[in-house]
Amino acid sequence: MDAEDYLTNHWIKNKVWRNLVSEKHQERFRTICSFLEGQTFIDIGCALGHSTAHLHNYKEGIWSGMEFSRMIARKARKMFPLYPIYYGRNFDLIKSTKGKRFDSVVCSEVIEHVEEDQALFDGLLSLTKKVLVITTPNRKVGDPGHLRIYEANDLLQLFNNNGLKVRSFQVLSRRTFFYMVIRK
């Protein structure tokens, strides 16, 4: 299931963005924002832009979004014109933003949907100036687009395969999510 199929046949059809107002997801947004540094932020895998708007509620700054479906990115731009929404192609994320990098990069509830998770991870690092926050469920959930369930060691392996020197790296498990936080 590619990004467009997932978003069209699950996210939009079932209006999944309505779930983002639940306390579980609001707690996730607050926790993510507690790690962020700087003034420029991007929400990778923003779908129609709802998550970007929620994140902006908890962290002031200049927010952008990126989606992996061209059609959904166009819809997000119309729904949330306040935010620049980029179309991410082939995990060359720095090329997708025309060379722009961001102080903090958020990729929440996306990596478990992606076949080429190492390529996505490497692309996320290329966009990041200061902090990268990745979240993923730490247990099985009923989402038809999930390709895998990560364990903490799986997330460490993604990081170790990159060989990047960073100030700090941590994987936290809170409630139903892993939070991978990398500070450059």
Protein backbone atom coordinates (compact mmCIF):
# COMPACT_ATOMS: atom_id res chain seq x y z
CA MET A 1 0.00 0.00 0.00
CA ASP A 2 1.66 3.25 -1.09
CA ALA A 3 1.17 6.63 0.59
CA GLU A 4 -1.61 7.73 -1.74
CA ASP A 5 -3.60 4.49 -1.36
CA TYR A 6 -3.23 4.58 2.43
CA LEU A 7 -4.23 8.21 2.73
CA THR A 8 -7.11 8.03 0.27
CA ASN A 9 -8.55 4.64 1.27
CA HIS A 10 -7.96 4.84 5.02
CA TRP A 11 -7.02 8.29 6.33
CA ILE A 12 -9.49 10.35 4.28
CA LYS A 13 -12.21 7.72 3.91
CA ASN A 14 -12.34 7.10 7.68
CA LYS A 15 -11.54 10.71 8.66
CA VAL A 16 -8.73 9.41 10.86
CA TRP A 17 -7.53 12.96 11.64
CA ARG A 18 -10.48 13.23 14.04
CA ASN A 19 -8.58 10.85 16.35
CA LEU A 20 -5.77 13.40 16.71
CA VAL A 21 -7.81 15.37 19.27
CA SER A 22 -7.79 12.41 21.70
CA GLU A 23 -5.70 12.83 24.86
CA LYS A 24 -3.32 10.05 23.73
CA HIS A 25 -2.38 11.97 20.59
CA GLN A 26 -2.38 15.38 22.26
CA GLU A 27 0.06 13.93 24.81
CA ARG A 28 2.18 12.66 21.89
CA PHE A 29 2.23 16.14 20.32
CA ARG A 30 3.15 17.78 23.66
CA THR A 31 5.91 15.24 24.24
CA ILE A 32 7.34 15.69 20.75
CA CYS A 33 7.35 19.47 21.13
CA SER A 34 9.15 19.23 24.47
CA PHE A 35 12.22 17.91 22.59
CA LEU A 36 12.28 20.47 19.76
CA GLU A 37 14.86 23.25 19.45
CA GLY A 38 15.07 26.31 17.22
CA GLN A 39 12.50 28.22 15.21
CA THR A 40 12.03 26.22 11.99
CA PHE A 41 10.19 22.90 12.08
CA ILE A 42 8.89 20.37 9.59
CA ASP A 43 6.32 17.61 10.11
CA ILE A 44 7.23 14.70 7.80
CA GLY A 45 4.28 12.58 6.69
CA CYS A 46 1.82 15.33 7.58
CA ALA A 47 -1.07 13.84 5.56
CA LEU A 48 -3.64 16.63 5.16
CA GLY A 49 -1.80 18.91 7.61
CA HIS A 50 -3.84 18.30 10.75
CA SER A 51 -0.84 17.02 12.72
CA THR A 52 1.23 20.05 11.69
CA ALA A 53 -1.47 22.36 13.03
CA HIS A 54 -1.65 20.39 16.31
CA LEU A 55 2.13 20.53 16.72
CA HIS A 56 2.09 24.27 16.06
CA ASN A 57 -0.39 24.63 18.95
CA TYR A 58 2.32 23.33 21.30
CA LYS A 59 5.45 24.88 19.75
CA GLU A 60 5.58 28.37 18.31
CA GLY A 61 7.79 28.83 15.30
CA ILE A 62 7.78 28.49 11.55
CA TRP A 63 6.16 25.18 10.67
CA SER A 64 6.13 23.30 7.37
CA GLY A 65 4.87 19.87 6.37
CA MET A 66 5.88 17.17 3.92
CA GLU A 67 3.77 14.44 2.40
CA PHE A 68 4.74 11.49 0.20
CA SER A 69 1.66 11.69 -2.02
CA ARG A 70 1.58 14.56 -4.52
CA MET A 71 -2.23 14.62 -4.54
CA ILE A 72 -2.47 14.69 -0.72
CA ALA A 73 0.22 17.40 -0.50
CA ARG A 74 -1.91 19.56 -2.85
CA LYS A 75 -5.00 18.99 -0.68
CA ALA A 76 -3.02 19.82 2.48
CA ARG A 77 -1.87 23.13 0.96
CA LYS A 78 -5.52 24.05 0.33
CA MET A 79 -6.72 22.94 3.78
CA PHE A 80 -3.85 24.55 5.71
CA PRO A 81 -2.51 27.44 3.59
CA LEU A 82 -0.60 28.83 6.60
CA TYR A 83 1.99 26.04 6.23
CA PRO A 84 4.28 25.37 3.29
CA ILE A 85 3.67 21.72 2.38
CA TYR A 86 6.37 19.93 0.40
CA TYR A 87 5.96 16.82 -1.70
CA GLY A 88 8.63 14.29 -0.65
CA ARG A 89 9.95 12.10 -3.41
CA ASN A 90 12.06 8.96 -3.10
CA PHE A 91 13.34 9.86 0.39
CA ASP A 92 15.68 12.48 -1.07
CA LEU A 93 14.08 14.90 1.36
CA ILE A 94 16.71 17.64 1.07
CA LYS A 95 16.04 17.75 -2.68
CA SER A 96 12.28 17.83 -2.01
CA THR A 97 12.73 21.02 0.05
CA LYS A 98 15.06 22.55 -2.55
CA GLY A 99 17.99 22.33 -0.13
CA LYS A 100 16.21 23.83 2.86
CA ARG A 101 17.03 22.30 6.25
CA PHE A 102 15.11 22.73 9.51
CA ASP A 103 16.15 23.25 13.11
CA SER A 104 13.92 20.38 14.22
CA VAL A 105 12.34 17.59 12.19
CA VAL A 106 9.35 15.53 13.33
CA CYS A 107 8.37 12.21 11.78
CA SER A 108 5.52 10.89 13.88
CA GLU A 109 3.64 7.70 13.13
CA VAL A 110 5.15 7.34 9.66
CA ILE A 111 8.24 5.11 9.68
CA GLU A 112 6.20 1.97 10.42
CA HIS A 113 4.37 2.53 7.10
CA VAL A 114 7.51 2.77 4.97
CA GLU A 115 9.09 -0.14 3.12
CA GLU A 116 12.52 1.54 2.98
CA ASP A 117 12.82 2.71 6.58
CA GLN A 118 16.61 3.21 6.47
CA ALA A 119 16.28 5.47 3.41
CA LEU A 120 13.61 7.52 5.19
CA PHE A 121 15.75 7.73 8.34
CA ASP A 122 18.78 8.92 6.35
CA GLY A 123 16.61 11.50 4.54
CA LEU A 124 15.27 12.78 7.86
CA LEU A 125 18.80 13.25 9.17
CA SER A 126 19.75 15.21 6.05
CA LEU A 127 16.97 17.74 6.78
CA THR A 128 17.85 18.13 10.46
CA LYS A 129 20.04 20.92 11.81
CA LYS A 130 19.50 20.33 15.55
CA VAL A 131 16.88 17.75 16.61
CA LEU A 132 15.12 14.84 14.94
CA VAL A 133 12.14 13.24 16.71
CA ILE A 134 10.65 10.02 15.35
CA THR A 135 7.69 8.31 16.97
CA THR A 136 6.24 4.90 16.26
CA PRO A 137 3.83 2.63 18.13
CA ASN A 138 5.53 0.34 20.64
CA ARG A 139 2.85 -2.32 20.23
CA LYS A 140 0.48 -3.67 17.59
CA VAL A 141 -2.35 -1.33 16.65
CA GLY A 142 -5.21 -1.84 14.22
CA ASP A 143 -3.87 0.24 11.35
CA PRO A 144 -3.96 -1.39 7.89
CA GLY A 145 -0.89 0.50 6.67
CA HIS A 146 1.61 -0.68 9.30
CA LEU A 147 4.34 -2.83 7.78
CA ARG A 148 6.16 -3.53 11.04
CA ILE A 149 6.19 -3.10 14.79
CA TYR A 150 9.49 -1.74 16.05
CA GLU A 151 11.33 -2.80 19.16
CA ALA A 152 13.80 -0.37 20.76
CA ASN A 153 16.70 -2.37 19.27
CA ASP A 154 15.27 -1.97 15.76
CA LEU A 155 15.34 1.80 16.18
CA LEU A 156 18.91 1.64 17.51
CA GLN A 157 19.87 -0.37 14.42
CA LEU A 158 18.51 2.34 12.10
CA PHE A 159 20.70 4.83 13.93
CA ASN A 160 23.77 2.56 14.02
CA ASN A 161 23.53 1.93 10.27
CA ASN A 162 23.98 5.64 9.68
CA GLY A 163 27.28 6.18 11.52
CA LEU A 164 26.42 9.79 12.37
CA LYS A 165 28.15 11.53 15.25
CA VAL A 166 25.61 13.31 17.43
CA ARG A 167 25.38 15.12 20.77
CA SER A 168 22.82 12.64 22.08
CA PHE A 169 20.59 9.80 21.03
CA GLN A 170 17.82 8.22 23.05
CA VAL A 171 14.84 5.94 22.62
CA LEU A 172 12.07 6.44 25.16
CA SER A 173 8.94 4.35 25.56
CA ARG A 174 5.96 6.25 26.91
CA ARG A 175 2.41 5.03 26.96
CA THR A 176 1.88 3.50 23.48
CA PHE A 177 4.74 5.15 21.56
CA PHE A 178 8.50 4.97 21.16
CA TYR A 179 10.17 8.37 20.90
CA MET A 180 13.55 8.38 19.15
CA VAL A 181 15.29 11.71 19.82
CA ILE A 182 18.53 12.61 18.06
CA ARG A 183 20.36 15.84 18.86
CA LYS A 184 23.04 16.85 16.37
